Amino acid sequence: MSDLGYIPNFPEPPTDLHLRYPLLIVESGGNKGAQTMVSINDGACLRLGRAELAGGDDSISRTHLEFSRVSDRYFVRDLASRNGTVVRGICLEKDSPIEIKHCDRIQVGDVFLRFAFVRKD
């Protein structure tokens, strides 16, 4: 099932990692290797789309998805995008947020992203 982006036994981040903000890493497409910090405060949200994630990839809508944060939990929701959003092999319903965790793989259009926490500097 890992081909769908869900790794059932992926290890949790170490407790001494001192998590701050998660990072989105582009794993496929023309913008492969690009990274975007999901730096949002508790109760805030961040909308991302084609320009922020994949440059000219038409499979991603201009405003495709939204990340939000409640305490130390992060959520993603599809913003009625043309080609949808898939998390852990689950196709998100429009405007229905789902919690995302360390190392989850997110598919937006034809592009794959990795959601991962980084060390606090």
PDB file of N, CA and C in Angstrom:
ATOM      1  N   MET A   1       0.807  -1.185   0.000  1.00  0.00           N
ATOM      2  CA  MET A   1       0.000   0.000   0.000  1.00  0.00           C
ATOM      3  C   MET A   1       0.858   1.260   0.000  1.00  0.00           C
ATOM      4  N   SER A   2       2.158   1.140   0.123  1.00  0.00           N
ATOM      5  CA  SER A   2       3.023   2.317   0.148  1.00  0.00           C
ATOM      6  C   SER A   2       3.021   3.058  -1.184  1.00  0.00           C
ATOM      7  N   ASP A   3       2.639   2.404  -2.279  1.00  0.00           N
ATOM      8  CA  ASP A   3       2.543   3.091  -3.569  1.00  0.00           C
ATOM      9  C   ASP A   3       1.474   4.176  -3.544  1.00  0.00           C
ATOM     10  N   LEU A   4       0.508   4.041  -2.659  1.00  0.00           N
ATOM     11  CA  LEU A   4      -0.553   5.020  -2.542  1.00  0.00           C
ATOM     12  C   LEU A   4      -0.168   6.176  -1.615  1.00  0.00           C
ATOM     13  N   GLY A   5       1.008   6.091  -1.006  1.00  0.00           N
ATOM     14  CA  GLY A   5       1.442   7.170  -0.141  1.00  0.00           C
ATOM     15  C   GLY A   5       1.259   6.883   1.332  1.00  0.00           C
ATOM     16  N   TYR A   6       0.765   5.727   1.692  1.00  0.00           N
ATOM     17  CA  TYR A   6       0.559   5.392   3.098  1.00  0.00           C
ATOM     18  C   TYR A   6       1.584   4.359   3.507  1.00  0.00           C
ATOM     19  N   ILE A   7       2.381   4.693   4.500  1.00  0.00           N
ATOM     20  CA  ILE A   7       3.386   3.770   5.019  1.00  0.00           C
ATOM     21  C   ILE A   7       2.936   3.400   6.428  1.00  0.00           C
ATOM     22  N   PRO A   8       2.306   2.250   6.605  1.00  0.00           N
ATOM     23  CA  PRO A   8       1.664   1.931   7.879  1.00  0.00           C
ATOM     24  C   PRO A   8       2.608   1.859   9.074  1.00  0.00           C
ATOM     25  N   ASN A   9       3.843   1.495   8.880  1.00  0.00           N
ATOM     26  CA  ASN A   9       4.764   1.339  10.002  1.00  0.00           C
ATOM     27  C   ASN A   9       5.885   2.361   9.995  1.00  0.00           C
ATOM     28  N   PHE A  10       5.616   3.540   9.487  1.00  0.00           N
ATOM     29  CA  PHE A  10       6.642   4.579   9.445  1.00  0.00           C
ATOM     30  C   PHE A  10       6.912   5.045  10.872  1.00  0.00           C
ATOM     31  N   PRO A  11       8.177   5.159  11.256  1.00  0.00           N
ATOM     32  CA  PRO A  11       8.478   5.519  12.642  1.00  0.00           C
ATOM     33  C   PRO A  11       8.039   6.938  12.983  1.00  0.00           C
ATOM     34  N   GLU A  12       7.634   7.119  14.242  1.00  0.00           N
ATOM     35  CA  GLU A  12       7.292   8.446  14.733  1.00  0.00           C
ATOM     36  C   GLU A  12       8.578   9.265  14.842  1.00  0.00           C
ATOM     37  N   PRO A  13       8.469  10.587  14.784  1.00  0.00           N
ATOM     38  CA  PRO A  13       9.673  11.397  14.949  1.00  0.00           C
ATOM     39  C   PRO A  13      10.230  11.216  16.364  1.00  0.00           C
ATOM     40  N   PRO A  14      11.531  11.280  16.531  1.00  0.00           N
ATOM     41  CA  PRO A  14      12.119  11.136  17.864  1.00  0.00           C
ATOM     42  C   PRO A  14      11.579  12.203  18.811  1.00  0.00           C
ATOM     43  N   THR A  15      11.449  11.860  20.083  1.00  0.00           N
ATOM     44  CA  THR A  15      10.903  12.803  21.058  1.00  0.00           C
ATOM     45  C   THR A  15      11.835  13.987  21.298  1.00  0.00           C
ATOM     46  N   ASP A  16      13.109  13.850  20.995  1.00  0.00           N
ATOM     47  CA  ASP A  16      14.057  14.948  21.203  1.00  0.00           C
ATOM     48  C   ASP A  16      14.230  15.813  19.958  1.00  0.00           C
ATOM     49  N   LEU A  17      13.299  15.699  19.017  1.00  0.00           N
ATOM     50  CA  LEU A  17      13.439  16.422  17.760  1.00  0.00           C
ATOM     51  C   LEU A  17      13.153  17.918  17.903  1.00  0.00           C
ATOM     52  N   HIS A  18      12.443  18.326  18.956  1.00  0.00           N
ATOM     53  CA  HIS A  18      12.105  19.730  19.185  1.00  0.00           C
ATOM     54  C   HIS A  18      11.403  20.319  17.956  1.00  0.00           C
ATOM     55  N   LEU A  19      10.242  19.780  17.664  1.00  0.00           N
ATOM     56  CA  LEU A  19       9.512  20.170  16.467  1.00  0.00           C
ATOM     57  C   LEU A  19       9.072  21.622  16.529  1.00  0.00           C
ATOM     58  N   ARG A  20       9.136  22.281  15.400  1.00  0.00           N
ATOM     59  CA  ARG A  20       8.654  23.653  15.307  1.00  0.00           C
ATOM     60  C   ARG A  20       7.589  23.739  14.230  1.00  0.00           C
ATOM     61  N   TYR A  21       7.990  23.757  12.967  1.00  0.00           N
ATOM     62  CA  TYR A  21       7.041  23.827  11.859  1.00  0.00           C
ATOM     63  C   TYR A  21       7.331  22.693  10.886  1.00  0.00           C
ATOM     64  N   PRO A  22       6.277  22.178  10.258  1.00  0.00           N
ATOM     65  CA  PRO A  22       6.495  21.145   9.251  1.00  0.00           C
ATOM     66  C   PRO A  22       6.941  21.750   7.919  1.00  0.00           C
ATOM     67  N   LEU A  23       7.491  20.900   7.107  1.00  0.00           N
ATOM     68  CA  LEU A  23       8.004  21.267   5.800  1.00  0.00           C
ATOM     69  C   LEU A  23       7.273  20.440   4.758  1.00  0.00           C
ATOM     70  N   LEU A  24       6.911  21.051   3.631  1.00  0.00           N
ATOM     71  CA  LEU A  24       6.363  20.328   2.484  1.00  0.00           C
ATOM     72  C   LEU A  24       7.483  20.169   1.475  1.00  0.00           C
ATOM     73  N   ILE A  25       7.758  18.944   1.091  1.00  0.00           N
ATOM     74  CA  ILE A  25       8.828  18.656   0.144  1.00  0.00           C
ATOM     75  C   ILE A  25       8.191  18.117  -1.129  1.00  0.00           C
ATOM     76  N   VAL A  26       8.470  18.745  -2.260  1.00  0.00           N
ATOM     77  CA  VAL A  26       7.934  18.294  -3.547  1.00  0.00           C
ATOM     78  C   VAL A  26       8.750  17.079  -3.988  1.00  0.00           C
ATOM     79  N   GLU A  27       8.083  15.935  -4.181  1.00  0.00           N
ATOM     80  CA  GLU A  27       8.767  14.684  -4.519  1.00  0.00           C
ATOM     81  C   GLU A  27       8.674  14.299  -5.990  1.00  0.00           C
ATOM     82  N   SER A  28       7.870  15.019  -6.781  1.00  0.00           N
ATOM     83  CA  SER A  28       7.754  14.675  -8.200  1.00  0.00           C
ATOM     84  C   SER A  28       7.419  15.922  -8.989  1.00  0.00           C
ATOM     85  N   GLY A  29       7.505  15.797 -10.300  1.00  0.00           N
ATOM     86  CA  GLY A  29       7.161  16.917 -11.173  1.00  0.00           C
ATOM     87  C   GLY A  29       8.331  17.844 -11.439  1.00  0.00           C
ATOM     88  N   GLY A  30       8.059  18.907 -12.161  1.00  0.00           N
ATOM     89  CA  GLY A  30       9.096  19.837 -12.582  1.00  0.00           C
ATOM     90  C   GLY A  30       9.718  20.632 -11.450  1.00  0.00           C
ATOM     91  N   ASN A  31       9.070  20.693 -10.304  1.00  0.00           N
ATOM     92  CA  ASN A  31       9.582  21.448  -9.163  1.00  0.00           C
ATOM     93  C   ASN A  31      10.128  20.515  -8.082  1.00  0.00           C
ATOM     94  N   LYS A  32      10.485  19.283  -8.477  1.00  0.00           N
ATOM     95  CA  LYS A  32      10.964  18.263  -7.540  1.00  0.00           C
ATOM     96  C   LYS A  32      12.119  18.810  -6.707  1.00  0.00           C
ATOM     97  N   GLY A  33      12.040  18.555  -5.400  1.00  0.00           N
ATOM     98  CA  GLY A  33      13.082  19.003  -4.481  1.00  0.00           C
ATOM     99  C   GLY A  33      12.772  20.334  -3.805  1.00  0.00           C
ATOM    100  N   ALA A  34      11.786  21.064  -4.321  1.00  0.00           N
ATOM    101  CA  ALA A  34      11.411  22.347  -3.704  1.00  0.00           C
ATOM    102  C   ALA A  34      10.817  22.090  -2.322  1.00  0.00           C
ATOM    103  N   GLN A  35      11.010  23.040  -1.432  1.00  0.00           N
ATOM    104  CA  GLN A  35      10.517  22.907  -0.073  1.00  0.00           C
ATOM    105  C   GLN A  35       9.766  24.162   0.333  1.00  0.00           C
ATOM    106  N   THR A  36       8.666  23.979   1.043  1.00  0.00           N
ATOM    107  CA  THR A  36       7.865  25.083   1.545  1.00  0.00           C
ATOM    108  C   THR A  36       7.604  24.859   3.019  1.00  0.00           C
ATOM    109  N   MET A  37       7.958  25.831   3.853  1.00  0.00           N
ATOM    110  CA  MET A  37       7.702  25.748   5.285  1.00  0.00           C
ATOM    111  C   MET A  37       6.224  26.049   5.542  1.00  0.00           C
ATOM    112  N   VAL A  38       5.582  25.190   6.305  1.00  0.00           N
ATOM    113  CA  VAL A  38       4.187  25.406   6.684  1.00  0.00           C
ATOM    114  C   VAL A  38       4.204  26.128   8.037  1.00  0.00           C
ATOM    115  N   SER A  39       4.577  27.389   7.998  1.00  0.00           N
ATOM    116  CA  SER A  39       4.765  28.166   9.232  1.00  0.00           C
ATOM    117  C   SER A  39       3.491  28.923   9.576  1.00  0.00           C
ATOM    118  N   ILE A  40       2.591  28.222  10.251  1.00  0.00           N
ATOM    119  CA  ILE A  40       1.334  28.836  10.659  1.00  0.00           C
ATOM    120  C   ILE A  40       1.183  28.687  12.168  1.00  0.00           C
ATOM    121  N   ASN A  41       0.601  29.690  12.768  1.00  0.00           N
ATOM    122  CA  ASN A  41       0.362  29.667  14.202  1.00  0.00           C
ATOM    123  C   ASN A  41      -0.931  28.934  14.508  1.00  0.00           C
ATOM    124  N   ASP A  42      -1.131  28.600  15.761  1.00  0.00           N
ATOM    125  CA  ASP A  42      -2.332  27.924  16.207  1.00  0.00           C
ATOM    126  C   ASP A  42      -3.566  28.720  15.775  1.00  0.00           C
ATOM    127  N   GLY A  43      -4.506  28.056  15.121  1.00  0.00           N
ATOM    128  CA  GLY A  43      -5.731  28.684  14.662  1.00  0.00           C
ATOM    129  C   GLY A  43      -5.634  29.337  13.297  1.00  0.00           C
ATOM    130  N   ALA A  44      -4.446  29.372  12.716  1.00  0.00           N
ATOM    131  CA  ALA A  44      -4.255  30.019  11.413  1.00  0.00           C
ATOM    132  C   ALA A  44      -4.303  28.988  10.287  1.00  0.00           C
ATOM    133  N   CYS A  45      -4.283  29.488   9.039  1.00  0.00           N
ATOM    134  CA  CYS A  45      -4.278  28.600   7.882  1.00  0.00           C
ATOM    135  C   CYS A  45      -3.364  29.162   6.795  1.00  0.00           C
ATOM    136  N   LEU A  46      -2.992  28.296   5.869  1.00  0.00           N
ATOM    137  CA  LEU A  46      -2.116  28.640   4.754  1.00  0.00           C
ATOM    138  C   LEU A  46      -2.674  27.984   3.504  1.00  0.00           C
ATOM    139  N   ARG A  47      -2.986  28.791   2.487  1.00  0.00           N
ATOM    140  CA  ARG A  47      -3.487  28.262   1.210  1.00  0.00           C
ATOM    141  C   ARG A  47      -2.344  28.196   0.211  1.00  0.00           C
ATOM    142  N   LEU A  48      -2.266  27.060  -0.487  1.00  0.00           N
ATOM    143  CA  LEU A  48      -1.217  26.858  -1.482  1.00  0.00           C
ATOM    144  C   LEU A  48      -1.834  26.374  -2.785  1.00  0.00           C
ATOM    145  N   GLY A  49      -1.147  26.683  -3.867  1.00  0.00           N
ATOM    146  CA  GLY A  49      -1.607  26.255  -5.176  1.00  0.00           C
ATOM    147  C   GLY A  49      -0.458  26.072  -6.137  1.00  0.00           C
ATOM    148  N   ARG A  50      -0.783  26.149  -7.417  1.00  0.00           N
ATOM    149  CA  ARG A  50       0.171  25.881  -8.487  1.00  0.00           C
ATOM    150  C   ARG A  50       1.464  26.672  -8.341  1.00  0.00           C
ATOM    151  N   ALA A  51       1.383  27.965  -8.131  1.00  0.00           N
ATOM    152  CA  ALA A  51       2.581  28.812  -8.089  1.00  0.00           C
ATOM    153  C   ALA A  51       3.520  28.418  -6.943  1.00  0.00           C
ATOM    154  N   GLU A  52       2.971  28.082  -5.790  1.00  0.00           N
ATOM    155  CA  GLU A  52       3.802  27.759  -4.626  1.00  0.00           C
ATOM    156  C   GLU A  52       4.351  26.338  -4.666  1.00  0.00           C
ATOM    157  N   LEU A  53       3.649  25.434  -5.331  1.00  0.00           N
ATOM    158  CA  LEU A  53       4.024  24.024  -5.273  1.00  0.00           C
ATOM    159  C   LEU A  53       4.704  23.487  -6.522  1.00  0.00           C
ATOM    160  N   ALA A  54       4.268  23.918  -7.689  1.00  0.00           N
ATOM    161  CA  ALA A  54       4.740  23.225  -8.882  1.00  0.00           C
ATOM    162  C   ALA A  54       4.970  24.118 -10.087  1.00  0.00           C
ATOM    163  N   GLY A  55       5.071  25.395  -9.891  1.00  0.00           N
ATOM    164  CA  GLY A  55       5.323  26.261 -11.030  1.00  0.00           C
ATOM    165  C   GLY A  55       4.221  26.183 -12.062  1.00  0.00           C
ATOM    166  N   GLY A  56       4.516  25.629 -13.229  1.00  0.00           N
ATOM    167  CA  GLY A  56       3.568  25.616 -14.336  1.00  0.00           C
ATOM    168  C   GLY A  56       2.755  24.352 -14.482  1.00  0.00           C
ATOM    169  N   ASP A  57       2.706  23.477 -13.491  1.00  0.00           N
ATOM    170  CA  ASP A  57       1.967  22.224 -13.610  1.00  0.00           C
ATOM    171  C   ASP A  57       0.464  22.495 -13.584  1.00  0.00           C
ATOM    172  N   ASP A  58      -0.195  22.273 -14.708  1.00  0.00           N
ATOM    173  CA  ASP A  58      -1.621  22.563 -14.839  1.00  0.00           C
ATOM    174  C   ASP A  58      -2.522  21.578 -14.097  1.00  0.00           C
ATOM    175  N   SER A  59      -1.961  20.493 -13.550  1.00  0.00           N
ATOM    176  CA  SER A  59      -2.794  19.544 -12.812  1.00  0.00           C
ATOM    177  C   SER A  59      -3.127  20.067 -11.412  1.00  0.00           C
ATOM    178  N   ILE A  60      -2.470  21.158 -11.006  1.00  0.00           N
ATOM    179  CA  ILE A  60      -2.700  21.769  -9.701  1.00  0.00           C
ATOM    180  C   ILE A  60      -3.464  23.072  -9.903  1.00  0.00           C
ATOM    181  N   SER A  61      -4.515  23.248  -9.144  1.00  0.00           N
ATOM    182  CA  SER A  61      -5.318  24.467  -9.242  1.00  0.00           C
ATOM    183  C   SER A  61      -4.555  25.662  -8.676  1.00  0.00           C
ATOM    184  N   ARG A  62      -4.956  26.856  -9.069  1.00  0.00           N
ATOM    185  CA  ARG A  62      -4.295  28.076  -8.573  1.00  0.00           C
ATOM    186  C   ARG A  62      -4.370  28.178  -7.061  1.00  0.00           C
ATOM    187  N   THR A  63      -5.493  27.803  -6.484  1.00  0.00           N
ATOM    188  CA  THR A  63      -5.647  27.674  -5.029  1.00  0.00           C
ATOM    189  C   THR A  63      -6.161  26.271  -4.798  1.00  0.00           C
ATOM    190  N   HIS A  64      -5.277  25.349  -4.461  1.00  0.00           N
ATOM    191  CA  HIS A  64      -5.595  23.923  -4.472  1.00  0.00           C
ATOM    192  C   HIS A  64      -5.976  23.379  -3.094  1.00  0.00           C
ATOM    193  N   LEU A  65      -5.167  23.708  -2.079  1.00  0.00           N
ATOM    194  CA  LEU A  65      -5.402  23.129  -0.769  1.00  0.00           C
ATOM    195  C   LEU A  65      -5.069  24.125   0.327  1.00  0.00           C
ATOM    196  N   GLU A  66      -5.530  23.798   1.528  1.00  0.00           N
ATOM    197  CA  GLU A  66      -5.315  24.674   2.673  1.00  0.00           C
ATOM    198  C   GLU A  66      -4.823  23.850   3.850  1.00  0.00           C
ATOM    199  N   PHE A  67      -3.765  24.336   4.500  1.00  0.00           N
ATOM    200  CA  PHE A  67      -3.263  23.734   5.728  1.00  0.00           C
ATOM    201  C   PHE A  67      -3.749  24.581   6.885  1.00  0.00           C
ATOM    202  N   SER A  68      -4.142  23.918   7.969  1.00  0.00           N
ATOM    203  CA  SER A  68      -4.537  24.642   9.175  1.00  0.00           C
ATOM    204  C   SER A  68      -3.917  23.945  10.376  1.00  0.00           C
ATOM    205  N   ARG A  69      -3.893  24.674  11.477  1.00  0.00           N
ATOM    206  CA  ARG A  69      -3.266  24.155  12.687  1.00  0.00           C
ATOM    207  C   ARG A  69      -4.179  24.403  13.875  1.00  0.00           C
ATOM    208  N   VAL A  70      -4.349  23.364  14.697  1.00  0.00           N
ATOM    209  CA  VAL A  70      -5.074  23.467  15.950  1.00  0.00           C
ATOM    210  C   VAL A  70      -4.163  22.863  17.012  1.00  0.00           C
ATOM    211  N   SER A  71      -3.618  23.718  17.872  1.00  0.00           N
ATOM    212  CA  SER A  71      -2.626  23.312  18.863  1.00  0.00           C
ATOM    213  C   SER A  71      -1.417  22.735  18.108  1.00  0.00           C
ATOM    214  N   ASP A  72      -1.060  21.481  18.373  1.00  0.00           N
ATOM    215  CA  ASP A  72       0.071  20.867  17.672  1.00  0.00           C
ATOM    216  C   ASP A  72      -0.378  19.914  16.567  1.00  0.00           C
ATOM    217  N   ARG A  73      -1.637  19.993  16.181  1.00  0.00           N
ATOM    218  CA  ARG A  73      -2.174  19.130  15.129  1.00  0.00           C
ATOM    219  C   ARG A  73      -2.341  19.946  13.849  1.00  0.00           C
ATOM    220  N   TYR A  74      -2.018  19.313  12.727  1.00  0.00           N
ATOM    221  CA  TYR A  74      -2.122  19.963  11.419  1.00  0.00           C
ATOM    222  C   TYR A  74      -3.163  19.248  10.577  1.00  0.00           C
ATOM    223  N   PHE A  75      -3.878  20.038   9.774  1.00  0.00           N
ATOM    224  CA  PHE A  75      -4.939  19.515   8.925  1.00  0.00           C
ATOM    225  C   PHE A  75      -4.753  20.045   7.513  1.00  0.00           C
ATOM    226  N   VAL A  76      -5.250  19.282   6.536  1.00  0.00           N
ATOM    227  CA  VAL A  76      -5.240  19.732   5.150  1.00  0.00           C
ATOM    228  C   VAL A  76      -6.648  19.535   4.593  1.00  0.00           C
ATOM    229  N   ARG A  77      -7.059  20.445   3.745  1.00  0.00           N
ATOM    230  CA  ARG A  77      -8.346  20.286   3.072  1.00  0.00           C
ATOM    231  C   ARG A  77      -8.211  20.737   1.626  1.00  0.00           C
ATOM    232  N   ASP A  78      -8.950  20.067   0.784  1.00  0.00           N
ATOM    233  CA  ASP A  78      -8.989  20.405  -0.631  1.00  0.00           C
ATOM    234  C   ASP A  78      -9.960  21.571  -0.812  1.00  0.00           C
ATOM    235  N   LEU A  79      -9.560  22.547  -1.600  1.00  0.00           N
ATOM    236  CA  LEU A  79     -10.384  23.738  -1.815  1.00  0.00           C
ATOM    237  C   LEU A  79     -11.160  23.658  -3.124  1.00  0.00           C
ATOM    238  N   ALA A  80     -11.880  22.550  -3.296  1.00  0.00           N
ATOM    239  CA  ALA A  80     -12.671  22.321  -4.513  1.00  0.00           C
ATOM    240  C   ALA A  80     -11.788  22.400  -5.756  1.00  0.00           C
ATOM    241  N   SER A  81     -10.599  21.806  -5.650  1.00  0.00           N
ATOM    242  CA  SER A  81      -9.659  21.818  -6.776  1.00  0.00           C
ATOM    243  C   SER A  81     -10.172  20.958  -7.924  1.00  0.00           C
ATOM    244  N   ARG A  82      -9.645  21.208  -9.092  1.00  0.00           N
ATOM    245  CA  ARG A  82     -10.077  20.496 -10.304  1.00  0.00           C
ATOM    246  C   ARG A  82      -9.684  19.025 -10.269  1.00  0.00           C
ATOM    247  N   ASN A  83      -8.464  18.704  -9.802  1.00  0.00           N
ATOM    248  CA  ASN A  83      -7.971  17.323  -9.851  1.00  0.00           C
ATOM    249  C   ASN A  83      -7.831  16.649  -8.490  1.00  0.00           C
ATOM    250  N   GLY A  84      -8.271  17.293  -7.431  1.00  0.00           N
ATOM    251  CA  GLY A  84      -8.342  16.657  -6.129  1.00  0.00           C
ATOM    252  C   GLY A  84      -7.032  16.568  -5.358  1.00  0.00           C
ATOM    253  N   THR A  85      -7.180  16.103  -4.118  1.00  0.00           N
ATOM    254  CA  THR A  85      -6.066  15.929  -3.189  1.00  0.00           C
ATOM    255  C   THR A  85      -6.214  14.564  -2.544  1.00  0.00           C
ATOM    256  N   VAL A  86      -5.111  13.820  -2.454  1.00  0.00           N
ATOM    257  CA  VAL A  86      -5.112  12.484  -1.871  1.00  0.00           C
ATOM    258  C   VAL A  86      -4.103  12.459  -0.721  1.00  0.00           C
ATOM    259  N   VAL A  87      -4.526  11.960   0.448  1.00  0.00           N
ATOM    260  CA  VAL A  87      -3.660  11.825   1.616  1.00  0.00           C
ATOM    261  C   VAL A  87      -3.754  10.395   2.112  1.00  0.00           C
ATOM    262  N   ARG A  88      -2.599   9.723   2.240  1.00  0.00           N
ATOM    263  CA  ARG A  88      -2.560   8.321   2.695  1.00  0.00           C
ATOM    264  C   ARG A  88      -3.491   7.429   1.878  1.00  0.00           C
ATOM    265  N   GLY A  89      -3.608   7.723   0.584  1.00  0.00           N
ATOM    266  CA  GLY A  89      -4.450   6.915  -0.295  1.00  0.00           C
ATOM    267  C   GLY A  89      -5.927   7.265  -0.225  1.00  0.00           C
ATOM    268  N   ILE A  90      -6.289   8.280   0.550  1.00  0.00           N
ATOM    269  CA  ILE A  90      -7.682   8.691   0.702  1.00  0.00           C
ATOM    270  C   ILE A  90      -7.915   9.969  -0.094  1.00  0.00           C
ATOM    271  N   CYS A  91      -8.862   9.929  -1.013  1.00  0.00           N
ATOM    272  CA  CYS A  91      -9.211  11.106  -1.795  1.00  0.00           C
ATOM    273  C   CYS A  91     -10.070  12.013  -0.919  1.00  0.00           C
ATOM    274  N   LEU A  92      -9.595  13.228  -0.696  1.00  0.00           N
ATOM    275  CA  LEU A  92     -10.315  14.147   0.183  1.00  0.00           C
ATOM    276  C   LEU A  92     -11.581  14.656  -0.483  1.00  0.00           C
ATOM    277  N   GLU A  93     -12.633  14.740   0.317  1.00  0.00           N
ATOM    278  CA  GLU A  93     -13.863  15.358  -0.162  1.00  0.00           C
ATOM    279  C   GLU A  93     -13.669  16.862  -0.088  1.00  0.00           C
ATOM    280  N   LYS A  94     -14.289  17.586  -0.979  1.00  0.00           N
ATOM    281  CA  LYS A  94     -14.147  19.039  -1.025  1.00  0.00           C
ATOM    282  C   LYS A  94     -14.494  19.660   0.321  1.00  0.00           C
ATOM    283  N   ASP A  95     -13.616  20.522   0.792  1.00  0.00           N
ATOM    284  CA  ASP A  95     -13.818  21.288   2.025  1.00  0.00           C
ATOM    285  C   ASP A  95     -13.982  20.443   3.289  1.00  0.00           C
ATOM    286  N   SER A  96     -13.475  19.204   3.289  1.00  0.00           N
ATOM    287  CA  SER A  96     -13.503  18.357   4.486  1.00  0.00           C
ATOM    288  C   SER A  96     -12.065  18.119   4.945  1.00  0.00           C
ATOM    289  N   PRO A  97     -11.623  18.803   6.004  1.00  0.00           N
ATOM    290  CA  PRO A  97     -10.235  18.665   6.440  1.00  0.00           C
ATOM    291  C   PRO A  97      -9.939  17.282   7.014  1.00  0.00           C
ATOM    292  N   ILE A  98      -8.681  16.865   6.864  1.00  0.00           N
ATOM    293  CA  ILE A  98      -8.203  15.607   7.434  1.00  0.00           C
ATOM    294  C   ILE A  98      -6.884  15.910   8.146  1.00  0.00           C
ATOM    295  N   GLU A  99      -6.670  15.270   9.285  1.00  0.00           N
ATOM    296  CA  GLU A  99      -5.423  15.485  10.016  1.00  0.00           C
ATOM    297  C   GLU A  99      -4.272  14.825   9.263  1.00  0.00           C
ATOM    298  N   ILE A 100      -3.149  15.521   9.218  1.00  0.00           N
ATOM    299  CA  ILE A 100      -1.958  14.966   8.592  1.00  0.00           C
ATOM    300  C   ILE A 100      -0.862  14.868   9.642  1.00  0.00           C
ATOM    301  N   LYS A 101       0.021  13.906   9.433  1.00  0.00           N
ATOM    302  CA  LYS A 101       1.065  13.612  10.415  1.00  0.00           C
ATOM    303  C   LYS A 101       2.432  13.559   9.740  1.00  0.00           C
ATOM    304  N   HIS A 102       3.446  13.493  10.565  1.00  0.00           N
ATOM    305  CA  HIS A 102       4.831  13.416  10.109  1.00  0.00           C
ATOM    306  C   HIS A 102       4.991  12.330   9.040  1.00  0.00           C
ATOM    307  N   CYS A 103       5.562  12.705   7.924  1.00  0.00           N
ATOM    308  CA  CYS A 103       5.898  11.838   6.785  1.00  0.00           C
ATOM    309  C   CYS A 103       4.704  11.402   5.939  1.00  0.00           C
ATOM    310  N   ASP A 104       3.535  12.004   6.127  1.00  0.00           N
ATOM    311  CA  ASP A 104       2.418  11.707   5.232  1.00  0.00           C
ATOM    312  C   ASP A 104       2.747  12.182   3.827  1.00  0.00           C
ATOM    313  N   ARG A 105       2.273  11.415   2.857  1.00  0.00           N
ATOM    314  CA  ARG A 105       2.442  11.773   1.456  1.00  0.00           C
ATOM    315  C   ARG A 105       1.128  12.339   0.949  1.00  0.00           C
ATOM    316  N   ILE A 106       1.215  13.479   0.278  1.00  0.00           N
ATOM    317  CA  ILE A 106       0.036  14.178  -0.221  1.00  0.00           C
ATOM    318  C   ILE A 106       0.160  14.296  -1.732  1.00  0.00           C
ATOM    319  N   GLN A 107      -0.877  13.882  -2.438  1.00  0.00           N
ATOM    320  CA  GLN A 107      -0.897  14.037  -3.889  1.00  0.00           C
ATOM    321  C   GLN A 107      -1.837  15.179  -4.237  1.00  0.00           C
ATOM    322  N   VAL A 108      -1.312  16.168  -4.947  1.00  0.00           N
ATOM    323  CA  VAL A 108      -2.112  17.284  -5.449  1.00  0.00           C
ATOM    324  C   VAL A 108      -2.002  17.246  -6.966  1.00  0.00           C
ATOM    325  N   GLY A 109      -3.110  16.986  -7.649  1.00  0.00           N
ATOM    326  CA  GLY A 109      -3.038  16.800  -9.087  1.00  0.00           C
ATOM    327  C   GLY A 109      -2.111  15.635  -9.392  1.00  0.00           C
ATOM    328  N   ASP A 110      -1.086  15.877 -10.227  1.00  0.00           N
ATOM    329  CA  ASP A 110      -0.112  14.835 -10.589  1.00  0.00           C
ATOM    330  C   ASP A 110       1.163  14.908  -9.757  1.00  0.00           C
ATOM    331  N   VAL A 111       1.211  15.775  -8.761  1.00  0.00           N
ATOM    332  CA  VAL A 111       2.432  16.025  -7.993  1.00  0.00           C
ATOM    333  C   VAL A 111       2.314  15.436  -6.586  1.00  0.00           C
ATOM    334  N   PHE A 112       3.419  14.822  -6.117  1.00  0.00           N
ATOM    335  CA  PHE A 112       3.470  14.248  -4.777  1.00  0.00           C
ATOM    336  C   PHE A 112       4.295  15.143  -3.859  1.00  0.00           C
ATOM    337  N   LEU A 113       3.774  15.332  -2.651  1.00  0.00           N
ATOM    338  CA  LEU A 113       4.443  16.125  -1.622  1.00  0.00           C
ATOM    339  C   LEU A 113       4.649  15.251  -0.397  1.00  0.00           C
ATOM    340  N   ARG A 114       5.648  15.590   0.414  1.00  0.00           N
ATOM    341  CA  ARG A 114       5.869  14.908   1.690  1.00  0.00           C
ATOM    342  C   ARG A 114       5.745  15.943   2.798  1.00  0.00           C
ATOM    343  N   PHE A 115       4.968  15.641   3.826  1.00  0.00           N
ATOM    344  CA  PHE A 115       4.767  16.517   4.975  1.00  0.00           C
ATOM    345  C   PHE A 115       5.671  15.998   6.090  1.00  0.00           C
ATOM    346  N   ALA A 116       6.662  16.761   6.490  1.00  0.00           N
ATOM    347  CA  ALA A 116       7.620  16.278   7.493  1.00  0.00           C
ATOM    348  C   ALA A 116       8.043  17.412   8.415  1.00  0.00           C
ATOM    349  N   PHE A 117       8.227  17.062   9.668  1.00  0.00           N
ATOM    350  CA  PHE A 117       8.728  18.037  10.642  1.00  0.00           C
ATOM    351  C   PHE A 117      10.242  18.138  10.541  1.00  0.00           C
ATOM    352  N   VAL A 118      10.766  19.300  10.871  1.00  0.00           N
ATOM    353  CA  VAL A 118      12.210  19.536  10.825  1.00  0.00           C
ATOM    354  C   VAL A 118      12.686  19.960  12.196  1.00  0.00           C
ATOM    355  N   ARG A 119      13.989  19.873  12.398  1.00  0.00           N
ATOM    356  CA  ARG A 119      14.574  20.276  13.674  1.00  0.00           C
ATOM    357  C   ARG A 119      14.461  21.774  13.877  1.00  0.00           C
ATOM    358  N   LYS A 120      14.214  22.142  15.083  1.00  0.00           N
ATOM    359  CA  LYS A 120      14.145  23.559  15.460  1.00  0.00           C
ATOM    360  C   LYS A 120      15.559  24.085  15.600  1.00  0.00           C
ATOM    361  N   ASP A 121      15.844  25.207  14.950  1.00  0.00           N
ATOM    362  CA  ASP A 121      17.200  25.787  15.039  1.00  0.00           C
ATOM    363  C   ASP A 121      17.368  26.618  16.282  1.00  0.00           C
TER     364      ASP A 121
END
